[in-house]
Amino acid sequence: MHKRRDGELLKRRLYRLLCLICCFTIAASFMIFPAHAEGIAGKAASVFGYALNDQMFAYGVISTDTQGGNADPGSYGGKYPTGVVYADIMYFDNNESPYLVIFRADGANECVCTDIFKYDDALQRAENIASLSKGYNSAPGVEGQFAVGENGDTKYIIYREYTNGIETNAEYYTVMNGIAYKYINAPPCAASSGVVSWNSGFFRPDVDVSSGNAHLSAFFSGLKDASAQSVTYKDISENISAAEEERLETALTEAARFTSFDIGDYSALSDYNLALTRRNTDDKFYLITNLYDLGDEIYYVRFSTNRSFYNYAILRRTDDGSGASTYQLLAARTDSIPLSDIELTRLKEVYSRNKLVAKKSKDSIETVNRSLIPLGNDGSEKEKPIKMPKLIDSSVRMPAALAAGILCITALVVLWIYLAADEEERYDKRL
């Protein structure tokens, strides 16, 4: 009788332990596998930054005086406006690959477009895999709209048409393995948000493009930040001596004179020296922000000017005729997208083979014992993905996921208590 009672008691305890393990597993799954954090880093950010920069340079940027206002076509020199409205990083391919999506107006061709760029890892460049183009409908009461949508891990670009405020057509597009597809039948879309609406009489961004399109500026800056933060070379800007800092500042004062400069553009030393005497910007050097030693006395320096925060120069530390140390300018760009880690490695190899690059200095850069900025465990700056502001923010999905998890855990706990109590009641009756 006691053996039977002990066996039943053991079974109940094992049952309760099993339920507790199930509850813990579900709870842990929500903590260990959070919603996908959308962001990119390093070379991809740099490449997408240049792709966006090219589009903004070619078409300009659309902005309005107030949030929710219409863009005035007259201010863009034509019947229809021209310019980039909005850009975002969208993860198609079940959240595996980042794509740059740019929404823009093309007044010259009387259409509104969505360009989708893929990062080609092998070629390390942005590839335009699709351009969705929709014209201005002149029919009375007909309005077009581009929107973004999603259903779980599936992301969409949506084109909708409205007649007198009623939706009459919807086209859904997505990307699979680098190829854009149009759905034959409309897929389920859990959430969507408009980007831009238009017809032959008006053009209205559905996103905030006020204050000179501050969102687009912030997004572009985010791409620059991600590229800058990908550098894994050690930052020694806080460790250089005062004399070394003065020599660098002299070189950077000259570098700030150029919008773009590269020693690789010249085949003769005389042409290179002549180019150094020219100036194509009025920017003035302000402050060294980062200094990276690429090896062989080649240095990558990021600096700020009176006009922009992101500027850079690549310098070779060399010796002048008297034996004093100085710096030779190899490359410079002002108001630029910072170089990524991969680009720096490639450029260092290129400049090491250039015949116009002077011999490296016999001495190393002068350093002093100063407190370093905290870095990673291996002494390098860690690659940090950027977080892009989303039209459909992950915060919309997280409460639903959390609520579902809590509901599951609560249901299991209630079931556990109920079944355990019922089993105990039946067990007591048998006694």
Protein backbone atom coordinates (compact mmCIF):
# COMPACT_ATOMS: atom_id res chain seq x y z
CA MET A 1 0.00 0.00 0.00
CA HIS A 2 2.83 2.40 0.86
CA LYS A 3 4.69 1.47 -2.34
CA ARG A 4 1.60 2.30 -4.41
CA ARG A 5 1.16 5.62 -2.60
CA ASP A 6 4.85 6.50 -3.14
CA GLY A 7 4.57 5.57 -6.84
CA GLU A 8 1.53 7.81 -7.36
CA LEU A 9 3.25 10.65 -5.53
CA LEU A 10 6.34 10.29 -7.72
CA LYS A 11 4.21 10.35 -10.87
CA ARG A 12 2.50 13.57 -9.76
CA ARG A 13 5.82 15.21 -9.02
CA LEU A 14 7.24 14.18 -12.38
CA TYR A 15 4.12 15.50 -14.10
CA ARG A 16 4.45 18.86 -12.36
CA LEU A 17 8.15 19.02 -13.25
CA LEU A 18 7.33 18.31 -16.90
CA CYS A 19 4.78 21.14 -16.98
CA LEU A 20 7.25 23.49 -15.33
CA ILE A 21 9.90 22.64 -17.94
CA CYS A 22 7.38 23.35 -20.74
CA CYS A 23 6.56 26.75 -19.23
CA PHE A 24 10.22 27.62 -18.83
CA THR A 25 11.00 26.57 -22.42
CA ILE A 26 8.30 28.80 -23.88
CA ALA A 27 9.38 31.74 -21.75
CA ALA A 28 13.03 31.25 -22.69
CA SER A 29 12.17 31.10 -26.39
CA PHE A 30 10.86 34.66 -26.24
CA MET A 31 14.00 35.87 -24.50
CA ILE A 32 16.56 33.96 -26.57
CA PHE A 33 14.93 34.44 -29.98
CA PRO A 34 13.72 38.06 -30.07
CA ALA A 35 12.17 39.73 -33.09
CA HIS A 36 14.66 40.36 -35.89
CA ALA A 37 16.67 43.56 -35.33
CA GLU A 38 16.78 45.28 -38.67
CA GLY A 39 20.11 46.93 -39.35
CA ILE A 40 23.22 46.68 -41.49
CA ALA A 41 26.86 47.33 -40.90
CA GLY A 42 30.20 47.78 -42.59
CA LYS A 43 30.66 47.56 -46.34
CA ALA A 44 26.95 47.07 -47.08
CA ALA A 45 26.15 50.33 -45.27
CA SER A 46 28.85 52.13 -47.23
CA VAL A 47 27.65 50.74 -50.56
CA PHE A 48 24.02 51.57 -49.85
CA GLY A 49 25.10 55.01 -48.72
CA TYR A 50 26.70 55.71 -52.09
CA ALA A 51 23.64 54.33 -53.93
CA LEU A 52 21.35 56.66 -51.98
CA ASN A 53 23.76 59.55 -52.45
CA ASP A 54 23.71 58.99 -56.23
CA GLN A 55 19.91 59.04 -56.28
CA MET A 56 19.72 62.20 -54.20
CA PHE A 57 22.37 63.85 -56.39
CA ALA A 58 20.53 62.90 -59.59
CA TYR A 59 16.97 63.74 -58.49
CA GLY A 60 17.28 65.95 -55.42
CA VAL A 61 15.23 65.59 -52.25
CA ILE A 62 11.53 66.34 -51.76
CA SER A 63 10.50 68.18 -48.62
CA THR A 64 7.48 70.13 -47.42
CA ASP A 65 7.06 73.12 -45.13
CA THR A 66 4.82 71.17 -42.75
CA GLN A 67 4.21 67.54 -41.93
CA GLY A 68 1.51 66.05 -44.17
CA GLY A 69 1.66 68.88 -46.70
CA ASN A 70 1.63 68.55 -50.48
CA ALA A 71 4.79 69.07 -52.51
CA ASP A 72 4.54 72.11 -54.74
CA PRO A 73 5.44 71.04 -58.32
CA GLY A 74 6.33 74.61 -59.21
CA SER A 75 9.21 74.63 -56.74
CA TYR A 76 10.75 71.70 -58.63
CA GLY A 77 10.70 73.45 -62.00
CA GLY A 78 7.98 71.45 -63.70
CA LYS A 79 4.40 70.25 -63.68
CA TYR A 80 5.34 67.25 -61.55
CA PRO A 81 7.87 67.19 -58.68
CA THR A 82 11.22 65.40 -58.80
CA GLY A 83 13.21 64.05 -55.88
CA VAL A 84 13.77 61.30 -53.32
CA VAL A 85 10.91 61.05 -50.82
CA TYR A 86 11.89 58.18 -48.52
CA ALA A 87 14.48 55.42 -48.16
CA ASP A 88 14.61 52.40 -45.91
CA ILE A 89 16.33 49.07 -45.35
CA MET A 90 13.88 46.22 -45.92
CA TYR A 91 14.65 42.61 -45.13
CA PHE A 92 13.06 40.43 -47.76
CA ASP A 93 14.17 36.75 -48.08
CA ASN A 94 12.65 35.86 -44.70
CA ASN A 95 14.70 38.49 -42.90
CA GLU A 96 18.00 37.14 -44.22
CA SER A 97 19.20 39.83 -46.65
CA PRO A 98 19.06 43.64 -46.44
CA TYR A 99 17.79 45.61 -49.42
CA LEU A 100 17.84 49.37 -49.91
CA VAL A 101 14.43 50.65 -51.04
CA ILE A 102 14.16 54.21 -52.38
CA PHE A 103 10.89 55.97 -53.17
CA ARG A 104 11.23 58.93 -55.53
CA ALA A 105 9.34 61.15 -57.95
CA ASP A 106 10.52 61.52 -61.55
CA GLY A 107 8.90 64.66 -62.91
CA ALA A 108 10.67 64.48 -66.28
CA ASN A 109 9.09 61.09 -67.02
CA GLU A 110 5.83 61.94 -65.20
CA CYS A 111 5.97 58.97 -62.87
CA VAL A 112 6.65 57.88 -59.30
CA CYS A 113 9.20 55.10 -58.75
CA THR A 114 10.41 52.61 -56.20
CA ASP A 115 13.98 51.40 -56.66
CA ILE A 116 15.20 48.21 -54.95
CA PHE A 117 18.94 47.71 -54.47
CA LYS A 118 20.61 44.46 -53.43
CA TYR A 119 24.07 44.30 -51.88
CA ASP A 120 26.25 42.05 -54.02
CA ASP A 121 28.66 40.50 -51.52
CA ALA A 122 30.95 39.03 -54.18
CA LEU A 123 31.37 42.28 -56.13
CA GLN A 124 30.82 44.49 -53.04
CA ARG A 125 28.49 46.86 -54.82
CA ALA A 126 24.81 47.79 -54.91
CA GLU A 127 22.80 46.24 -57.74
CA ASN A 128 19.48 47.75 -58.82
CA ILE A 129 17.34 44.62 -59.13
CA ALA A 130 14.00 46.35 -59.78
CA SER A 131 12.41 49.75 -60.46
CA LEU A 132 8.65 49.94 -60.07
CA SER A 133 7.33 52.89 -62.06
CA LYS A 134 3.75 54.21 -61.93
CA GLY A 135 2.54 57.19 -63.95
CA TYR A 136 0.22 60.05 -63.06
CA ASN A 137 -3.38 59.01 -63.73
CA SER A 138 -5.38 61.81 -65.30
CA ALA A 139 -8.76 60.14 -64.75
CA PRO A 140 -10.98 62.14 -62.34
CA GLY A 141 -10.85 60.95 -58.72
CA VAL A 142 -8.14 58.33 -59.33
CA GLU A 143 -5.23 58.33 -56.88
CA GLY A 144 -2.09 56.16 -56.76
CA GLN A 145 -0.15 55.21 -53.65
CA PHE A 146 3.06 53.38 -52.78
CA ALA A 147 3.13 51.67 -49.37
CA VAL A 148 5.21 49.12 -47.46
CA GLY A 149 3.63 46.13 -45.76
CA GLU A 150 4.47 42.93 -43.98
CA ASN A 151 3.01 39.68 -42.76
CA GLY A 152 5.36 38.04 -40.28
CA ASP A 153 8.76 37.67 -41.96
CA THR A 154 7.39 38.49 -45.41
CA LYS A 155 7.80 42.09 -46.53
CA TYR A 156 5.95 43.79 -49.38
CA ILE A 157 6.04 46.90 -51.51
CA ILE A 158 2.46 47.75 -52.38
CA TYR A 159 0.98 49.88 -55.14
CA ARG A 160 -2.66 50.81 -54.59
CA GLU A 161 -5.17 52.73 -56.66
CA TYR A 162 -8.17 54.53 -55.23
CA THR A 163 -11.19 55.90 -57.07
CA ASN A 164 -13.10 58.49 -55.08
CA GLY A 165 -11.43 57.21 -51.92
CA ILE A 166 -12.30 53.53 -52.52
CA GLU A 167 -9.50 51.03 -53.22
CA THR A 168 -9.95 49.59 -56.72
CA ASN A 169 -6.59 47.92 -57.31
CA ALA A 170 -3.67 46.59 -55.25
CA GLU A 171 -0.38 45.15 -56.48
CA TYR A 172 2.02 43.39 -54.12
CA TYR A 173 5.75 42.94 -54.75
CA THR A 174 8.44 41.12 -52.80
CA VAL A 175 11.98 39.82 -53.32
CA MET A 176 13.16 36.21 -53.22
CA ASN A 177 16.84 35.31 -53.63
CA GLY A 178 17.62 38.66 -55.19
CA ILE A 179 14.76 38.61 -57.72
CA ALA A 180 11.69 40.84 -57.46
CA TYR A 181 8.29 39.17 -57.90
CA LYS A 182 4.75 40.43 -58.32
CA TYR A 183 1.98 38.42 -56.68
CA ILE A 184 -0.79 37.17 -58.95
CA ASN A 185 -3.22 37.09 -56.05
CA ALA A 186 -3.02 39.51 -53.14
CA PRO A 187 -1.25 37.85 -50.17
CA PRO A 188 -2.35 38.35 -46.56
CA CYS A 189 -0.88 41.59 -45.24
CA ALA A 190 -1.00 42.08 -41.48
CA ALA A 191 0.17 45.69 -41.48
CA SER A 192 0.95 48.37 -44.04
CA SER A 193 1.83 52.04 -44.11
CA GLY A 194 1.66 54.54 -46.95
CA VAL A 195 4.77 56.28 -48.27
CA VAL A 196 3.52 58.61 -51.00
CA SER A 197 0.18 59.35 -52.73
CA TRP A 198 -0.42 61.25 -55.96
CA ASN A 199 -2.56 61.96 -58.99
CA SER A 200 -2.39 64.45 -61.83
CA GLY A 201 -3.40 67.28 -59.50
CA PHE A 202 -1.33 66.72 -56.33
CA PHE A 203 1.69 64.95 -54.84
CA ARG A 204 1.51 64.16 -51.11
CA PRO A 205 4.19 62.31 -49.12
CA ASP A 206 2.48 60.10 -46.53
CA VAL A 207 5.70 60.13 -44.49
CA ASP A 208 7.08 63.18 -42.72
CA VAL A 209 9.35 65.06 -45.13
CA SER A 210 9.27 68.39 -43.30
CA SER A 211 12.37 70.24 -42.04
CA GLY A 212 14.24 69.54 -45.26
CA ASN A 213 13.21 65.87 -45.10
CA ALA A 214 14.85 65.29 -41.72
CA HIS A 215 14.07 61.57 -41.76
CA LEU A 216 15.99 61.03 -45.00
CA SER A 217 18.91 62.99 -43.60
CA ALA A 218 18.88 60.89 -40.42
CA PHE A 219 18.71 57.69 -42.45
CA PHE A 220 21.65 58.78 -44.61
CA SER A 221 23.63 59.68 -41.48
CA GLY A 222 22.80 56.24 -40.07
CA LEU A 223 24.40 54.60 -43.11
CA LYS A 224 27.49 56.73 -42.60
CA ASP A 225 27.61 55.81 -38.91
CA ALA A 226 27.40 52.09 -39.64
CA SER A 227 30.19 52.29 -42.19
CA ALA A 228 32.38 54.27 -39.77
CA GLN A 229 31.75 51.86 -36.89
CA SER A 230 32.80 48.82 -38.93
CA VAL A 231 36.50 49.71 -38.73
CA THR A 232 38.39 47.14 -36.65
CA TYR A 233 41.79 48.83 -36.81
CA LYS A 234 42.88 50.30 -33.51
CA ASP A 235 42.02 53.97 -33.00
CA ILE A 236 45.16 55.72 -31.74
CA SER A 237 43.89 59.30 -31.91
CA GLU A 238 44.05 59.64 -28.10
CA ASN A 239 47.63 58.37 -27.93
CA ILE A 240 49.56 60.66 -30.26
CA SER A 241 52.00 63.24 -28.97
CA ALA A 242 51.39 66.96 -29.26
CA ALA A 243 54.13 67.28 -31.89
CA GLU A 244 52.63 64.43 -33.93
CA GLU A 245 49.17 65.94 -33.65
CA GLU A 246 50.51 69.24 -34.98
CA ARG A 247 52.07 67.51 -38.01
CA LEU A 248 48.80 65.68 -38.72
CA GLU A 249 46.76 68.86 -38.42
CA THR A 250 49.02 70.56 -40.96
CA ALA A 251 48.42 67.71 -43.42
CA LEU A 252 44.67 67.68 -42.77
CA THR A 253 44.40 71.43 -43.28
CA GLU A 254 45.61 70.79 -46.81
CA ALA A 255 43.36 67.72 -47.22
CA ALA A 256 40.28 69.76 -46.31
CA ARG A 257 40.82 71.79 -49.49
CA PHE A 258 39.65 68.91 -51.68
CA THR A 259 36.17 67.56 -52.26
CA SER A 260 37.83 64.45 -53.66
CA PHE A 261 41.51 63.66 -54.16
CA ASP A 262 43.39 60.43 -54.92
CA ILE A 263 47.04 59.90 -55.78
CA GLY A 264 45.95 57.00 -57.98
CA ASP A 265 44.51 59.49 -60.48
CA TYR A 266 48.02 60.61 -61.46
CA SER A 267 50.75 58.81 -63.35
CA ALA A 268 53.53 61.39 -62.95
CA LEU A 269 54.88 62.96 -59.78
CA SER A 270 54.82 66.42 -61.41
CA ASP A 271 51.07 66.11 -62.09
CA TYR A 272 50.46 64.95 -58.52
CA ASN A 273 52.42 67.87 -57.06
CA LEU A 274 50.57 70.34 -59.29
CA ALA A 275 47.21 68.92 -58.15
CA LEU A 276 48.21 69.53 -54.53
CA THR A 277 48.36 73.27 -55.21
CA ARG A 278 44.70 73.42 -56.27
CA ARG A 279 41.59 73.88 -54.17
CA ASN A 280 37.95 72.98 -54.91
CA THR A 281 36.31 73.59 -51.54
CA ASP A 282 36.35 76.33 -48.92
CA ASP A 283 36.05 73.83 -46.04
CA LYS A 284 38.35 74.44 -43.09
CA PHE A 285 39.85 71.72 -40.92
CA TYR A 286 38.42 71.64 -37.40
CA LEU A 287 39.30 68.50 -35.40
CA ILE A 288 40.78 64.98 -35.67
CA THR A 289 38.06 62.50 -34.67
CA ASN A 290 39.76 59.14 -35.37
CA LEU A 291 43.21 57.94 -36.39
CA TYR A 292 43.81 54.37 -37.56
CA ASP A 293 47.18 52.74 -38.25
CA LEU A 294 46.82 50.60 -41.40
CA GLY A 295 50.44 49.42 -41.25
CA ASP A 296 53.60 50.42 -43.16
CA GLU A 297 53.15 53.98 -41.87
CA ILE A 298 49.90 54.45 -43.79
CA TYR A 299 47.15 56.08 -41.72
CA TYR A 300 43.43 56.59 -42.16
CA VAL A 301 42.28 59.80 -40.48
CA ARG A 302 38.71 60.92 -39.97
CA PHE A 303 38.27 64.61 -39.23
CA SER A 304 35.60 67.27 -39.01
CA THR A 305 35.46 70.62 -40.80
CA ASN A 306 33.41 73.77 -40.38
CA ARG A 307 30.85 72.25 -42.79
CA SER A 308 30.66 68.50 -42.13
CA PHE A 309 31.46 65.83 -39.57
CA TYR A 310 32.40 63.01 -41.94
CA ASN A 311 35.63 63.74 -43.83
CA TYR A 312 38.67 61.54 -44.25
CA ALA A 313 42.23 61.42 -45.51
CA ILE A 314 44.72 58.61 -46.09
CA LEU A 315 48.27 59.68 -45.29
CA ARG A 316 51.75 58.17 -45.61
CA ARG A 317 54.15 59.06 -42.81
CA THR A 318 57.47 59.78 -44.48
CA ASP A 319 60.72 61.72 -43.98
CA ASP A 320 61.59 65.00 -45.66
CA GLY A 321 65.08 65.80 -46.85
CA SER A 322 66.26 66.95 -43.42
CA GLY A 323 65.12 63.78 -41.71
CA ALA A 324 62.05 65.32 -40.07
CA SER A 325 58.78 63.43 -40.20
CA THR A 326 55.94 64.67 -42.38
CA TYR A 327 52.84 63.28 -44.11
CA GLN A 328 52.13 62.66 -47.79
CA LEU A 329 48.49 62.98 -48.88
CA LEU A 330 47.32 59.82 -50.67
CA ALA A 331 43.55 60.41 -50.67
CA ALA A 332 41.01 62.82 -49.24
CA ARG A 333 37.26 63.35 -49.34
CA THR A 334 35.14 65.95 -47.60
CA ASP A 335 31.46 65.59 -46.64
CA SER A 336 31.82 61.92 -47.46
CA ILE A 337 30.69 58.44 -46.55
CA PRO A 338 33.36 56.97 -44.21
CA LEU A 339 35.43 54.08 -45.48
CA SER A 340 34.52 50.63 -44.23
CA ASP A 341 36.95 48.06 -42.88
CA ILE A 342 37.02 46.11 -46.15
CA GLU A 343 37.69 49.25 -48.19
CA LEU A 344 40.60 50.23 -45.96
CA THR A 345 42.26 46.85 -46.36
CA ARG A 346 41.95 47.06 -50.15
CA LEU A 347 43.16 50.68 -50.37
CA LYS A 348 46.17 49.97 -48.20
CA GLU A 349 47.28 47.28 -50.65
CA VAL A 350 46.65 49.58 -53.63
CA TYR A 351 48.68 52.46 -52.19
CA SER A 352 51.50 50.14 -51.14
CA ARG A 353 52.01 49.32 -54.85
CA ASN A 354 51.71 52.91 -56.12
CA LYS A 355 55.05 54.24 -57.41
CA LEU A 356 54.20 57.83 -56.48
CA VAL A 357 53.85 56.98 -52.79
CA ALA A 358 56.93 58.07 -50.87
CA LYS A 359 59.02 55.69 -48.79
CA LYS A 360 57.79 55.17 -45.28
CA SER A 361 59.38 57.00 -42.38
CA LYS A 362 62.23 55.35 -40.54
CA ASP A 363 60.54 56.19 -37.25
CA SER A 364 57.09 55.22 -36.01
CA ILE A 365 54.39 57.67 -35.02
CA GLU A 366 55.05 59.42 -31.71
CA THR A 367 52.71 58.29 -28.94
CA VAL A 368 52.20 59.09 -25.27
CA ASN A 369 50.62 57.17 -22.39
CA ARG A 370 47.08 58.48 -22.30
CA SER A 371 43.87 56.74 -21.27
CA LEU A 372 42.37 54.90 -24.19
CA ILE A 373 38.72 54.95 -25.16
CA PRO A 374 37.20 51.58 -24.05
CA LEU A 375 37.28 49.12 -26.94
CA GLY A 376 36.38 45.48 -27.48
CA ASN A 377 38.08 42.61 -25.69
CA ASP A 378 40.52 42.24 -28.56
CA GLY A 379 41.39 45.96 -28.57
CA SER A 380 39.32 46.75 -31.65
CA GLU A 381 36.18 48.72 -32.26
CA LYS A 382 33.27 46.38 -32.67
CA GLU A 383 31.06 46.41 -35.75
CA LYS A 384 27.73 47.91 -34.77
CA PRO A 385 24.66 47.55 -36.96
CA ILE A 386 22.49 50.60 -37.28
CA LYS A 387 18.86 50.75 -36.32
CA MET A 388 16.70 52.33 -38.97
CA PRO A 389 13.48 54.15 -38.07
CA LYS A 390 10.69 52.03 -39.55
CA LEU A 391 7.28 52.85 -40.94
CA ILE A 392 6.15 49.52 -39.50
CA ASP A 393 8.20 49.45 -36.34
CA SER A 394 9.13 46.23 -34.57
CA SER A 395 7.41 47.67 -31.49
CA VAL A 396 4.10 46.99 -33.24
CA ARG A 397 4.91 43.29 -33.39
CA MET A 398 6.56 42.84 -29.99
CA PRO A 399 3.48 43.50 -27.81
CA ALA A 400 1.52 40.92 -29.79
CA ALA A 401 4.30 38.35 -29.45
CA LEU A 402 4.70 39.08 -25.76
CA ALA A 403 0.97 38.85 -25.13
CA ALA A 404 0.82 35.54 -26.97
CA GLY A 405 3.71 34.20 -24.91
CA ILE A 406 2.14 35.30 -21.63
CA LEU A 407 -1.17 33.76 -22.71
CA CYS A 408 0.52 30.43 -23.50
CA ILE A 409 2.38 30.37 -20.19
CA THR A 410 -0.76 31.31 -18.23
CA ALA A 411 -2.79 28.63 -19.98
CA LEU A 412 -0.20 25.98 -19.19
CA VAL A 413 0.05 27.03 -15.56
CA VAL A 414 -3.75 26.95 -15.17
CA LEU A 415 -3.87 23.56 -16.91
CA TRP A 416 -1.11 22.28 -14.68
CA ILE A 417 -2.85 23.40 -11.48
CA TYR A 418 -6.22 22.09 -12.64
CA LEU A 419 -4.97 18.66 -13.70
CA ALA A 420 -2.74 18.31 -10.66
CA ALA A 421 -5.61 19.21 -8.31
CA ASP A 422 -7.92 16.83 -10.10
CA GLU A 423 -5.38 14.04 -9.92
CA GLU A 424 -4.81 14.70 -6.21
CA GLU A 425 -8.56 14.65 -5.55
CA ARG A 426 -8.94 11.31 -7.30
CA TYR A 427 -5.91 10.00 -5.48
CA ASP A 428 -7.38 11.01 -2.08
CA LYS A 429 -10.69 9.32 -2.94
CA ARG A 430 -8.90 6.10 -3.71
CA LEU A 431 -7.33 6.26 -0.27
